[in-house]
C-alpha atoms as a PDB file:
ATOM      1  CA  MET A   1       0.000   0.000   0.000  1.00  0.00           C
ATOM      2  CA  GLN A   2       0.973   3.648  -0.178  1.00  0.00           C
ATOM      3  CA  MET A   3       3.739   5.185   1.821  1.00  0.00           C
ATOM      4  CA  LEU A   4       2.555   8.765   2.394  1.00  0.00           C
ATOM      5  CA  LYS A   5       5.113  11.331   1.377  1.00  0.00           C
ATOM      6  CA  ARG A   6       6.755  14.665   1.106  1.00  0.00           C
ATOM      7  CA  SER A   7       5.652  17.793   2.921  1.00  0.00           C
ATOM      8  CA  THR A   8       2.131  18.660   1.757  1.00  0.00           C
ATOM      9  CA  ARG A   9       1.645  15.499  -0.311  1.00  0.00           C
ATOM     10  CA  ILE A  10       0.895  12.120   1.180  1.00  0.00           C
ATOM     11  CA  THR A  11       1.881   8.851  -0.348  1.00  0.00           C
ATOM     12  CA  ALA A  12       4.626   6.938   1.436  1.00  0.00           C
ATOM     13  CA  TYR A  13       7.986   8.526   1.101  1.00  0.00           C
ATOM     14  CA  GLY A  14       8.726  11.387   3.465  1.00  0.00           C
ATOM     15  CA  SER A  15       9.981  14.926   2.701  1.00  0.00           C
ATOM     16  CA  ALA A  16      11.810  16.411  -0.278  1.00  0.00           C
ATOM     17  CA  ALA A  17      14.956  18.520  -0.423  1.00  0.00           C
ATOM     18  CA  LEU A  18      17.846  19.522  -2.662  1.00  0.00           C
ATOM     19  CA  LEU A  19      21.048  17.527  -2.786  1.00  0.00           C
ATOM     20  CA  VAL A  20      23.632  17.484  -5.537  1.00  0.00           C
ATOM     21  CA  LEU A  21      25.395  14.141  -5.459  1.00  0.00           C
ATOM     22  CA  ALA A  22      26.799  12.037  -8.245  1.00  0.00           C
ATOM     23  CA  THR A  23      26.755   8.435  -7.050  1.00  0.00           C
ATOM     24  CA  LEU A  24      24.815   6.258  -4.623  1.00  0.00           C
ATOM     25  CA  THR A  25      26.124   3.051  -3.063  1.00  0.00           C
ATOM     26  CA  VAL A  26      24.524   0.697  -0.575  1.00  0.00           C
ATOM     27  CA  THR A  27      26.765   0.160   2.425  1.00  0.00           C
ATOM     28  CA  THR A  28      24.222  -0.618   5.130  1.00  0.00           C
ATOM     29  CA  ALA A  29      23.880  -4.189   6.392  1.00  0.00           C
ATOM     30  CA  ALA A  30      20.119  -4.016   5.953  1.00  0.00           C
ATOM     31  CA  THR A  31      20.507  -3.744   2.169  1.00  0.00           C
ATOM     32  CA  ALA A  32      22.927  -6.569   1.628  1.00  0.00           C
ATOM     33  CA  THR A  33      21.221  -7.520  -1.624  1.00  0.00           C
ATOM     34  CA  ALA A  34      22.932  -4.602  -3.354  1.00  0.00           C
ATOM     35  CA  THR A  35      26.553  -4.282  -4.331  1.00  0.00           C
ATOM     36  CA  THR A  36      28.857  -2.219  -2.144  1.00  0.00           C
ATOM     37  CA  THR A  37      31.194   0.302  -3.721  1.00  0.00           C
ATOM     38  CA  LYS A  38      32.584   3.626  -2.672  1.00  0.00           C
ATOM     39  CA  GLY A  39      30.035   6.443  -2.762  1.00  0.00           C
ATOM     40  CA  LYS A  40      28.658   9.416  -0.868  1.00  0.00           C
ATOM     41  CA  ASP A  41      26.384   9.049   2.138  1.00  0.00           C
ATOM     42  CA  LEU A  42      22.864  10.462   1.913  1.00  0.00           C
ATOM     43  CA  CYS A  43      21.320   9.899   5.322  1.00  0.00           C
ATOM     44  CA  GLY A  44      24.355   9.636   7.566  1.00  0.00           C
ATOM     45  CA  PRO A  45      27.489   7.478   7.728  1.00  0.00           C
ATOM     46  CA  GLY A  46      27.183   4.181   5.906  1.00  0.00           C
ATOM     47  CA  THR A  47      24.022   5.062   3.983  1.00  0.00           C
ATOM     48  CA  ALA A  48      25.164   5.626   0.425  1.00  0.00           C
ATOM     49  CA  ILE A  49      23.299   3.458  -2.069  1.00  0.00           C
ATOM     50  CA  THR A  50      23.565   1.878  -5.513  1.00  0.00           C
ATOM     51  CA  LEU A  51      21.230  -0.361  -7.476  1.00  0.00           C
ATOM     52  CA  ASP A  52      21.981  -4.045  -8.074  1.00  0.00           C
ATOM     53  CA  ARG A  53      19.464  -5.137 -10.725  1.00  0.00           C
ATOM     54  CA  SER A  54      20.443  -8.804 -10.372  1.00  0.00           C
ATOM     55  CA  ALA A  55      18.984  -8.737  -6.845  1.00  0.00           C
ATOM     56  CA  PHE A  56      15.442  -8.535  -8.260  1.00  0.00           C
ATOM     57  CA  PRO A  57      13.458 -11.454  -9.747  1.00  0.00           C
ATOM     58  CA  TRP A  58      11.927 -11.184 -13.217  1.00  0.00           C
ATOM     59  CA  ASP A  59       8.380 -11.513 -11.862  1.00  0.00           C
ATOM     60  CA  PRO A  60       7.632  -8.555  -9.540  1.00  0.00           C
ATOM     61  CA  GLU A  61       5.887  -9.971  -6.483  1.00  0.00           C
ATOM     62  CA  ILE A  62       5.928  -7.963  -3.265  1.00  0.00           C
ATOM     63  CA  GLU A  63       5.373 -10.124  -0.205  1.00  0.00           C
ATOM     64  CA  ASN A  64       7.344  -8.257   2.453  1.00  0.00           C
ATOM     65  CA  LYS A  65       5.285  -8.803   5.630  1.00  0.00           C
ATOM     66  CA  TRP A  66       5.481  -5.112   6.581  1.00  0.00           C
ATOM     67  CA  PHE A  67       4.766  -3.803   3.096  1.00  0.00           C
ATOM     68  CA  PRO A  68       2.691  -6.344   1.131  1.00  0.00           C
ATOM     69  CA  LEU A  69       1.441  -5.229  -2.284  1.00  0.00           C
ATOM     70  CA  GLU A  70      -1.076  -7.782  -3.512  1.00  0.00           C
ATOM     71  CA  PRO A  71      -2.818  -6.802  -6.760  1.00  0.00           C
ATOM     72  CA  GLY A  72      -6.446  -5.885  -6.128  1.00  0.00           C
ATOM     73  CA  MET A  73      -5.946  -4.632  -2.578  1.00  0.00           C
ATOM     74  CA  GLN A  74      -7.179  -1.114  -1.855  1.00  0.00           C
ATOM     75  CA  PHE A  75      -6.426   0.941   1.258  1.00  0.00           C
ATOM     76  CA  THR A  76      -8.127   4.157   2.328  1.00  0.00           C
ATOM     77  CA  THR A  77      -6.568   6.506   4.876  1.00  0.00           C
ATOM     78  CA  THR A  78      -8.080   9.723   6.171  1.00  0.00           C
ATOM     79  CA  GLY A  79      -6.836  12.571   8.306  1.00  0.00           C
ATOM     80  CA  LYS A  80      -5.714  16.168   8.143  1.00  0.00           C
ATOM     81  CA  VAL A  81      -2.777  18.501   7.571  1.00  0.00           C
ATOM     82  CA  VAL A  82      -2.412  21.353  10.069  1.00  0.00           C
ATOM     83  CA  ASN A  83      -0.263  24.299   9.026  1.00  0.00           C
ATOM     84  CA  THR A  84       1.094  25.668  12.287  1.00  0.00           C
ATOM     85  CA  VAL A  85       2.185  28.965  10.707  1.00  0.00           C
ATOM     86  CA  GLU A  86      -0.945  29.923   8.759  1.00  0.00           C
ATOM     87  CA  LYS A  87      -3.232  28.120  11.236  1.00  0.00           C
ATOM     88  CA  THR A  88      -5.057  26.219   8.474  1.00  0.00           C
ATOM     89  CA  VAL A  89      -6.474  22.686   8.493  1.00  0.00           C
ATOM     90  CA  THR A  90      -6.839  20.608   5.331  1.00  0.00           C
ATOM     91  CA  LYS A  91      -8.848  17.391   5.340  1.00  0.00           C
ATOM     92  CA  ARG A  92      -7.073  14.592   3.538  1.00  0.00           C
ATOM     93  CA  THR A  93      -8.109  11.235   2.071  1.00  0.00           C
ATOM     94  CA  VAL A  94      -5.712   8.911   0.257  1.00  0.00           C
ATOM     95  CA  ILE A  95      -7.004   5.934  -1.719  1.00  0.00           C
ATOM     96  CA  SER A  96      -4.173   3.567  -2.584  1.00  0.00           C
ATOM     97  CA  THR A  97      -4.781   0.662  -4.957  1.00  0.00           C
ATOM     98  CA  VAL A  98      -2.359  -2.091  -5.946  1.00  0.00           C
ATOM     99  CA  THR A  99      -3.013  -2.539  -9.653  1.00  0.00           C
ATOM    100  CA  GLY A 100      -2.516  -5.636 -11.752  1.00  0.00           C
ATOM    101  CA  LEU A 101       0.029  -3.780 -13.871  1.00  0.00           C
ATOM    102  CA  THR A 102       3.785  -4.026 -14.183  1.00  0.00           C
ATOM    103  CA  LYS A 103       6.249  -1.518 -15.613  1.00  0.00           C
ATOM    104  CA  LYS A 104       9.972  -1.821 -16.269  1.00  0.00           C
ATOM    105  CA  ILE A 105      11.905   0.959 -14.557  1.00  0.00           C
ATOM    106  CA  ASP A 106      15.699   1.206 -14.748  1.00  0.00           C
ATOM    107  CA  GLY A 107      15.932  -2.412 -15.920  1.00  0.00           C
ATOM    108  CA  VAL A 108      13.713  -3.830 -13.144  1.00  0.00           C
ATOM    109  CA  ASN A 109      10.110  -5.017 -13.468  1.00  0.00           C
ATOM    110  CA  THR A 110       7.974  -3.207 -10.897  1.00  0.00           C
ATOM    111  CA  VAL A 111       4.492  -3.400  -9.403  1.00  0.00           C
ATOM    112  CA  VAL A 112       2.350  -0.342 -10.160  1.00  0.00           C
ATOM    113  CA  VAL A 113       0.445   1.320  -7.293  1.00  0.00           C
ATOM    114  CA  TRP A 114      -2.154   4.020  -7.995  1.00  0.00           C
ATOM    115  CA  ASP A 115      -2.686   6.661  -5.290  1.00  0.00           C
ATOM    116  CA  ARG A 116      -5.444   9.273  -5.326  1.00  0.00           C
ATOM    117  CA  ASP A 117      -4.981  12.176  -2.912  1.00  0.00           C
ATOM    118  CA  ILE A 118      -8.181  14.078  -2.096  1.00  0.00           C
ATOM    119  CA  SER A 119      -7.878  17.382  -0.206  1.00  0.00           C
ATOM    120  CA  ASP A 120     -10.980  19.070   1.199  1.00  0.00           C
ATOM    121  CA  GLY A 121     -13.133  16.923  -1.068  1.00  0.00           C
ATOM    122  CA  GLU A 122     -11.283  17.634  -4.333  1.00  0.00           C
ATOM    123  CA  LEU A 123      -8.725  15.532  -6.187  1.00  0.00           C
ATOM    124  CA  ALA A 124      -5.315  17.109  -5.585  1.00  0.00           C
ATOM    125  CA  GLU A 125      -3.056  14.416  -6.957  1.00  0.00           C
ATOM    126  CA  SER A 126      -3.285  11.189  -8.940  1.00  0.00           C
ATOM    127  CA  GLU A 127      -0.062   9.220  -8.850  1.00  0.00           C
ATOM    128  CA  LEU A 128       1.487   6.054 -10.171  1.00  0.00           C
ATOM    129  CA  ALA A 129       4.305   4.696  -7.984  1.00  0.00           C
ATOM    130  CA  PHE A 130       6.601   1.792  -8.832  1.00  0.00           C
ATOM    131  CA  PHE A 131       7.885  -0.821  -6.387  1.00  0.00           C
ATOM    132  CA  ALA A 132       9.939  -4.002  -6.614  1.00  0.00           C
ATOM    133  CA  GLU A 133      11.156  -6.517  -4.032  1.00  0.00           C
ATOM    134  CA  THR A 134      14.563  -8.149  -3.999  1.00  0.00           C
ATOM    135  CA  LYS A 135      14.949 -11.907  -3.741  1.00  0.00           C
ATOM    136  CA  LYS A 136      15.843 -11.391  -0.074  1.00  0.00           C
ATOM    137  CA  GLY A 137      12.758  -9.315   0.673  1.00  0.00           C
ATOM    138  CA  THR A 138      13.725  -5.626   0.640  1.00  0.00           C
ATOM    139  CA  VAL A 139      11.168  -3.427  -1.141  1.00  0.00           C
ATOM    140  CA  TRP A 140      12.484  -0.596  -3.304  1.00  0.00           C
ATOM    141  CA  LEU A 141      10.778   2.483  -4.734  1.00  0.00           C
ATOM    142  CA  PHE A 142      11.745   3.101  -8.381  1.00  0.00           C
ATOM    143  CA  GLY A 143       9.894   6.301  -9.107  1.00  0.00           C
ATOM    144  CA  GLU A 144       6.671   8.280  -9.169  1.00  0.00           C
ATOM    145  CA  TYR A 145       4.463   9.919 -11.743  1.00  0.00           C
ATOM    146  CA  PRO A 146       2.290  12.342  -9.695  1.00  0.00           C
ATOM    147  CA  GLU A 147      -0.260  14.361 -11.648  1.00  0.00           C
ATOM    148  CA  GLU A 148      -1.310  17.537  -9.833  1.00  0.00           C
ATOM    149  CA  TYR A 149      -4.805  19.022 -10.015  1.00  0.00           C
ATOM    150  CA  GLU A 150      -6.236  22.448  -9.201  1.00  0.00           C
ATOM    151  CA  ASN A 151     -10.001  23.084  -9.187  1.00  0.00           C
ATOM    152  CA  GLY A 152     -10.517  19.717 -10.856  1.00  0.00           C
ATOM    153  CA  LYS A 153      -8.118  20.403 -13.728  1.00  0.00           C
ATOM    154  CA  LEU A 154      -4.782  18.742 -14.475  1.00  0.00           C
ATOM    155  CA  VAL A 155      -1.955  21.288 -14.191  1.00  0.00           C
ATOM    156  CA  GLY A 156       1.013  18.986 -14.793  1.00  0.00           C
ATOM    157  CA  ALA A 157       3.333  16.499 -13.112  1.00  0.00           C
ATOM    158  CA  PRO A 158       6.442  18.547 -12.238  1.00  0.00           C
ATOM    159  CA  SER A 159       7.565  16.239  -9.422  1.00  0.00           C
ATOM    160  CA  THR A 160       7.890  13.151 -11.637  1.00  0.00           C
ATOM    161  CA  PHE A 161      11.064  11.154 -11.041  1.00  0.00           C
ATOM    162  CA  ILE A 162      12.191   7.824 -12.464  1.00  0.00           C
ATOM    163  CA  SER A 163      15.229   5.852 -11.338  1.00  0.00           C
ATOM    164  CA  GLY A 164      17.936   6.043 -13.972  1.00  0.00           C
ATOM    165  CA  ILE A 165      16.756   9.344 -15.489  1.00  0.00           C
ATOM    166  CA  ASP A 166      18.227  12.751 -14.565  1.00  0.00           C
ATOM    167  CA  LYS A 167      20.422  11.120 -11.886  1.00  0.00           C
ATOM    168  CA  ALA A 168      17.389   9.853  -9.943  1.00  0.00           C
ATOM    169  CA  GLN A 169      18.015   6.688  -7.940  1.00  0.00           C
ATOM    170  CA  ALA A 170      15.722   4.047  -6.532  1.00  0.00           C
ATOM    171  CA  GLY A 171      15.591   3.868  -2.737  1.00  0.00           C
ATOM    172  CA  ILE A 172      14.372   1.540  -0.015  1.00  0.00           C
ATOM    173  CA  ALA A 173      10.661   1.581   0.766  1.00  0.00           C
ATOM    174  CA  MET A 174      10.872  -1.214   3.364  1.00  0.00           C
ATOM    175  CA  LEU A 175      13.746  -3.300   4.713  1.00  0.00           C
ATOM    176  CA  ASP A 176      13.581  -7.086   4.649  1.00  0.00           C
ATOM    177  CA  HIS A 177      14.206  -7.306   8.396  1.00  0.00           C
ATOM    178  CA  PRO A 178      13.660  -3.841   9.895  1.00  0.00           C
ATOM    179  CA  ARG A 179      15.261  -3.437  13.305  1.00  0.00           C
ATOM    180  CA  PRO A 180      15.863  -0.488  15.614  1.00  0.00           C
ATOM    181  CA  LYS A 181      19.461   0.758  15.869  1.00  0.00           C
ATOM    182  CA  GLU A 182      20.113  -0.017  12.181  1.00  0.00           C
ATOM    183  CA  PRO A 183      21.494   2.937  10.165  1.00  0.00           C
ATOM    184  CA  ALA A 184      19.103   5.306   8.459  1.00  0.00           C
ATOM    185  CA  TYR A 185      18.511   4.667   4.759  1.00  0.00           C
ATOM    186  CA  PRO A 186      17.473   6.713   1.700  1.00  0.00           C
ATOM    187  CA  GLN A 187      13.967   6.011   0.443  1.00  0.00           C
ATOM    188  CA  ALA A 188      14.592   7.756  -2.872  1.00  0.00           C
ATOM    189  CA  TYR A 189      16.871  10.375  -4.387  1.00  0.00           C
ATOM    190  CA  ALA A 190      15.966  12.668  -7.287  1.00  0.00           C
ATOM    191  CA  PRO A 191      18.045  15.866  -7.524  1.00  0.00           C
ATOM    192  CA  SER A 192      16.104  17.229 -10.513  1.00  0.00           C
ATOM    193  CA  VAL A 193      12.968  17.565  -8.357  1.00  0.00           C
ATOM    194  CA  ASP A 194      14.746  18.240  -5.044  1.00  0.00           C
ATOM    195  CA  PHE A 195      13.719  14.916  -3.523  1.00  0.00           C
ATOM    196  CA  LEU A 196      15.527  13.140  -0.688  1.00  0.00           C
ATOM    197  CA  ASP A 197      13.842  11.087   2.025  1.00  0.00           C
ATOM    198  CA  CYS A 198      15.608   9.365   4.916  1.00  0.00           C
ATOM    199  CA  ALA A 199      14.064   6.700   7.140  1.00  0.00           C
ATOM    200  CA  LYS A 200      15.039   4.970  10.368  1.00  0.00           C
ATOM    201  CA  VAL A 201      13.378   2.198  12.378  1.00  0.00           C
ATOM    202  CA  VAL A 202      12.620   3.404  15.905  1.00  0.00           C
ATOM    203  CA  ASP A 203      10.366   0.682  17.385  1.00  0.00           C
ATOM    204  CA  ARG A 204       8.774  -2.699  16.654  1.00  0.00           C
ATOM    205  CA  HIS A 205       6.457  -3.235  19.595  1.00  0.00           C
ATOM    206  CA  VAL A 206       3.795  -0.533  19.522  1.00  0.00           C
ATOM    207  CA  ASP A 207       0.032  -1.097  19.813  1.00  0.00           C
ATOM    208  CA  VAL A 208      -2.128   1.018  17.506  1.00  0.00           C
ATOM    209  CA  CYS A 209      -5.899   1.321  17.109  1.00  0.00           C
ATOM    210  CA  VAL A 210      -7.349   3.028  14.014  1.00  0.00           C
ATOM    211  CA  PRO A 211     -10.852   2.892  12.497  1.00  0.00           C
ATOM    212  CA  ALA A 212      -9.921  -0.137  10.365  1.00  0.00           C
ATOM    213  CA  ASP A 213      -8.746  -2.294  13.301  1.00  0.00           C
ATOM    214  CA  CYS A 214      -6.432  -2.573  16.296  1.00  0.00           C
ATOM    215  CA  TYR A 215      -2.891  -3.829  15.688  1.00  0.00           C
ATOM    216  CA  ASN A 216      -0.199  -5.205  18.007  1.00  0.00           C
ATOM    217  CA  ASN A 217       3.593  -5.201  17.656  1.00  0.00           C
ATOM    218  CA  VAL A 218       3.496  -2.412  15.100  1.00  0.00           C
ATOM    219  CA  LEU A 219       6.670  -1.253  13.359  1.00  0.00           C
ATOM    220  CA  VAL A 220       7.458   2.468  13.708  1.00  0.00           C
ATOM    221  CA  ILE A 221       9.593   4.208  11.089  1.00  0.00           C
ATOM    222  CA  GLU A 222      10.766   7.790  11.440  1.00  0.00           C
ATOM    223  CA  GLU A 223      11.107   9.781   8.221  1.00  0.00           C
ATOM    224  CA  SER A 224      12.980  13.037   7.868  1.00  0.00           C
ATOM    225  CA  ASN A 225      14.460  15.526   5.439  1.00  0.00           C
ATOM    226  CA  PRO A 226      18.051  16.098   6.542  1.00  0.00           C
ATOM    227  CA  LEU A 227      18.482  19.082   4.226  1.00  0.00           C
ATOM    228  CA  GLU A 228      15.800  21.297   5.773  1.00  0.00           C
ATOM    229  CA  PRO A 229      15.727  22.728   9.286  1.00  0.00           C
ATOM    230  CA  ARG A 230      13.848  20.335  11.525  1.00  0.00           C
ATOM    231  CA  SER A 231      11.740  23.228  12.793  1.00  0.00           C
ATOM    232  CA  VAL A 232      10.378  23.574   9.240  1.00  0.00           C
ATOM    233  CA  ALA A 233      10.279  20.008   7.923  1.00  0.00           C
ATOM    234  CA  GLY A 234       9.711  18.216  11.218  1.00  0.00           C
ATOM    235  CA  LEU A 235       9.543  14.434  11.309  1.00  0.00           C
ATOM    236  CA  GLN A 236       6.925  11.840  10.492  1.00  0.00           C
ATOM    237  CA  HIS A 237       6.310   8.602  12.331  1.00  0.00           C
ATOM    238  CA  LYS A 238       4.734   5.915  10.175  1.00  0.00           C
ATOM    239  CA  PHE A 239       3.226   2.810  11.697  1.00  0.00           C
ATOM    240  CA  TYR A 240       3.251  -0.521   9.832  1.00  0.00           C
ATOM    241  CA  SER A 241       1.445  -3.717  10.823  1.00  0.00           C
ATOM    242  CA  LYS A 242       2.418  -7.196   9.644  1.00  0.00           C
ATOM    243  CA  LYS A 243       0.400  -8.445   6.642  1.00  0.00           C
ATOM    244  CA  THR A 244      -1.347  -5.065   6.326  1.00  0.00           C
ATOM    245  CA  GLY A 245       1.248  -2.361   5.802  1.00  0.00           C
ATOM    246  CA  LEU A 246       0.799   1.291   6.690  1.00  0.00           C
ATOM    247  CA  VAL A 247      -1.910   1.889   9.308  1.00  0.00           C
ATOM    248  CA  GLN A 248      -1.112   5.325  10.737  1.00  0.00           C
ATOM    249  CA  VAL A 249       0.943   8.499  10.213  1.00  0.00           C
ATOM    250  CA  LYS A 250       1.756  11.024  12.957  1.00  0.00           C
ATOM    251  CA  PRO A 251       3.716  14.282  12.806  1.00  0.00           C
ATOM    252  CA  VAL A 252       6.583  15.202  15.099  1.00  0.00           C
ATOM    253  CA  GLY A 253       7.015  18.961  14.812  1.00  0.00           C
ATOM    254  CA  GLY A 254       7.313  20.921  11.581  1.00  0.00           C
ATOM    255  CA  GLU A 255       5.166  23.544   9.903  1.00  0.00           C
ATOM    256  CA  ASP A 256       2.862  21.165   7.990  1.00  0.00           C
ATOM    257  CA  GLN A 257       1.771  18.489  10.447  1.00  0.00           C
ATOM    258  CA  GLU A 258       0.108  15.506   8.836  1.00  0.00           C
ATOM    259  CA  SER A 259      -2.017  12.898  10.646  1.00  0.00           C
ATOM    260  CA  LEU A 260      -3.579   9.882   8.910  1.00  0.00           C
ATOM    261  CA  ASP A 261      -5.385   6.711   9.963  1.00  0.00           C
ATOM    262  CA  LEU A 262      -6.248   3.601   7.977  1.00  0.00           C
ATOM    263  CA  VAL A 263     -10.044   3.480   7.787  1.00  0.00           C
ATOM    264  CA  LYS A 264     -10.813   0.840   5.147  1.00  0.00           C
ATOM    265  CA  ILE A 265      -9.265  -2.218   3.503  1.00  0.00           C
ATOM    266  CA  LYS A 266     -10.942  -3.700   0.440  1.00  0.00           C
ATOM    267  CA  LYS A 267     -10.219  -6.651  -1.822  1.00  0.00           C
ATOM    268  CA  LEU A 268     -11.397  -5.681  -5.308  1.00  0.00           C
ATOM    269  CA  SER A 269     -13.423  -8.047  -7.446  1.00  0.00           C
ATOM    270  CA  ASP A 270     -12.048  -9.153 -10.797  1.00  0.00           C
ATOM    271  CA  SER A 271     -14.244  -6.640 -12.609  1.00  0.00           C
ATOM    272  CA  GLU A 272     -13.210  -3.840 -10.228  1.00  0.00           C
ATOM    273  CA  LEU A 273      -9.532  -4.657 -10.703  1.00  0.00           C
ATOM    274  CA  LYS A 274      -9.998  -4.665 -14.474  1.00  0.00           C
ATOM    275  CA  SER A 275     -11.502  -1.171 -14.252  1.00  0.00           C
ATOM    276  CA  ILE A 276      -8.637   0.006 -12.034  1.00  0.00           C
ATOM    277  CA  ASN A 277      -6.114  -1.387 -14.511  1.00  0.00           C
ATOM    278  CA  GLU A 278      -7.795   0.452 -17.382  1.00  0.00           C
ATOM    279  CA  GLN A 279      -7.776   3.742 -15.474  1.00  0.00           C
ATOM    280  CA  ALA A 280      -4.146   3.303 -14.433  1.00  0.00           C
ATOM    281  CA  LEU A 281      -3.155   2.463 -18.025  1.00  0.00           C
ATOM    282  CA  ALA A 282      -4.866   5.671 -19.167  1.00  0.00           C
ATOM    283  CA  LEU A 283      -2.827   7.568 -16.569  1.00  0.00           C
ATOM    284  CA  ASP A 284       0.322   5.837 -17.797  1.00  0.00           C
ATOM    285  CA  ARG A 285      -0.428   6.800 -21.427  1.00  0.00           C
ATOM    286  CA  ARG A 286      -1.125  10.404 -20.488  1.00  0.00           C
ATOM    287  CA  GLY A 287       2.251  10.590 -18.782  1.00  0.00           C
ATOM    288  CA  TYR A 288       3.984  10.363 -22.148  1.00  0.00           C
ATOM    289  CA  THR A 289       2.449  13.715 -23.072  1.00  0.00           C
ATOM    290  CA  VAL A 290       2.484  15.432 -19.683  1.00  0.00           C
ATOM    291  CA  SER A 291       6.068  14.444 -18.759  1.00  0.00           C
ATOM    292  CA  ARG A 292       7.875  14.298 -22.101  1.00  0.00           C
ATOM    293  CA  ASP A 293      11.355  14.751 -20.645  1.00  0.00           C
ATOM    294  CA  VAL A 294      11.119  12.044 -17.988  1.00  0.00           C
ATOM    295  CA  TYR A 295       8.138   9.697 -18.041  1.00  0.00           C
ATOM    296  CA  ALA A 296       8.054   9.448 -21.828  1.00  0.00           C
ATOM    297  CA  LYS A 297      11.464   7.736 -21.659  1.00  0.00           C
ATOM    298  CA  THR A 298      10.026   4.706 -19.838  1.00  0.00           C
ATOM    299  CA  PRO A 299       8.500   1.527 -21.341  1.00  0.00           C
ATOM    300  CA  ARG A 300       4.708   1.337 -21.234  1.00  0.00           C
ATOM    301  CA  ALA A 301       2.955  -0.231 -18.274  1.00  0.00           C
ATOM    302  CA  VAL A 302       1.286  -3.558 -19.100  1.00  0.00           C
ATOM    303  CA  VAL A 303      -1.208  -5.900 -17.497  1.00  0.00           C
ATOM    304  CA  ALA A 304       0.646  -8.722 -15.765  1.00  0.00           C
ATOM    305  CA  LYS A 305       0.527 -12.027 -17.619  1.00  0.00           C
ATOM    306  CA  PRO A 306      -1.490 -14.919 -16.149  1.00  0.00           C
ATOM    307  CA  GLY A 307       0.448 -16.519 -13.348  1.00  0.00           C
ATOM    308  CA  ARG A 308       2.309 -13.288 -12.676  1.00  0.00           C
ATOM    309  CA  ARG A 309       1.420 -10.319 -10.528  1.00  0.00           C
END
């Protein structure tokens, strides 16, 4: 399901900021599926990252117990964003659907997730996000195509980033065995759109109740933007339950404080999933016109073949 993201947008990945770096190399023990070579750290000592395409299977199935992405599953979260400077409150609903589509990004076949972000009752963003899981179980984010809307009209997708294009690099959405005291890790890096998110596991034994259900032994991940003052960007704590995924988001300081709770989980019927796939494919096709410099350089998304996800 979705990961809820940067500053005023919610979908899984944290906060964005500018960083001009040339290479990324995985050196953290938690990402042992990737090769280790000399590179610059992004989120602290030992957190540089590089992509090892051979670590990913041909068929993109995501079965990480903390971040499962089964085609046809749909998750709805609701909450609000409080701006502590302007004293405004924005109601927020995010509908995240795991499609039955795959798309090759930077040489890796990924699962396509479609997020719809509704603010104060109006569509604010419609996004395709691309995930893949290594053979050892670490889930990576390979890019995003987020269309932005104002007053019901599409105004563009300026924050699009795709691993392998314009120095953007895939990052870690969820570790295979997340444990406290492990080093922080980059969730994605895209200098052309000023995007850098850093995450760190802070707990694995929290109890959480949200409208959808009550969950025990919940994983807590802290996300931050190390390139902005903490008084501005703040932190986010995201709560993940085994076999479900993200169930809650809480702010820790910052000017835009975002709170979200999982309120509904739905397994789509075959006909509903077919409709979702058609809508997501239309979004994918439109991306070749809206984002000519980035998204148009990617292969088309396709419906997964029978026997594949």
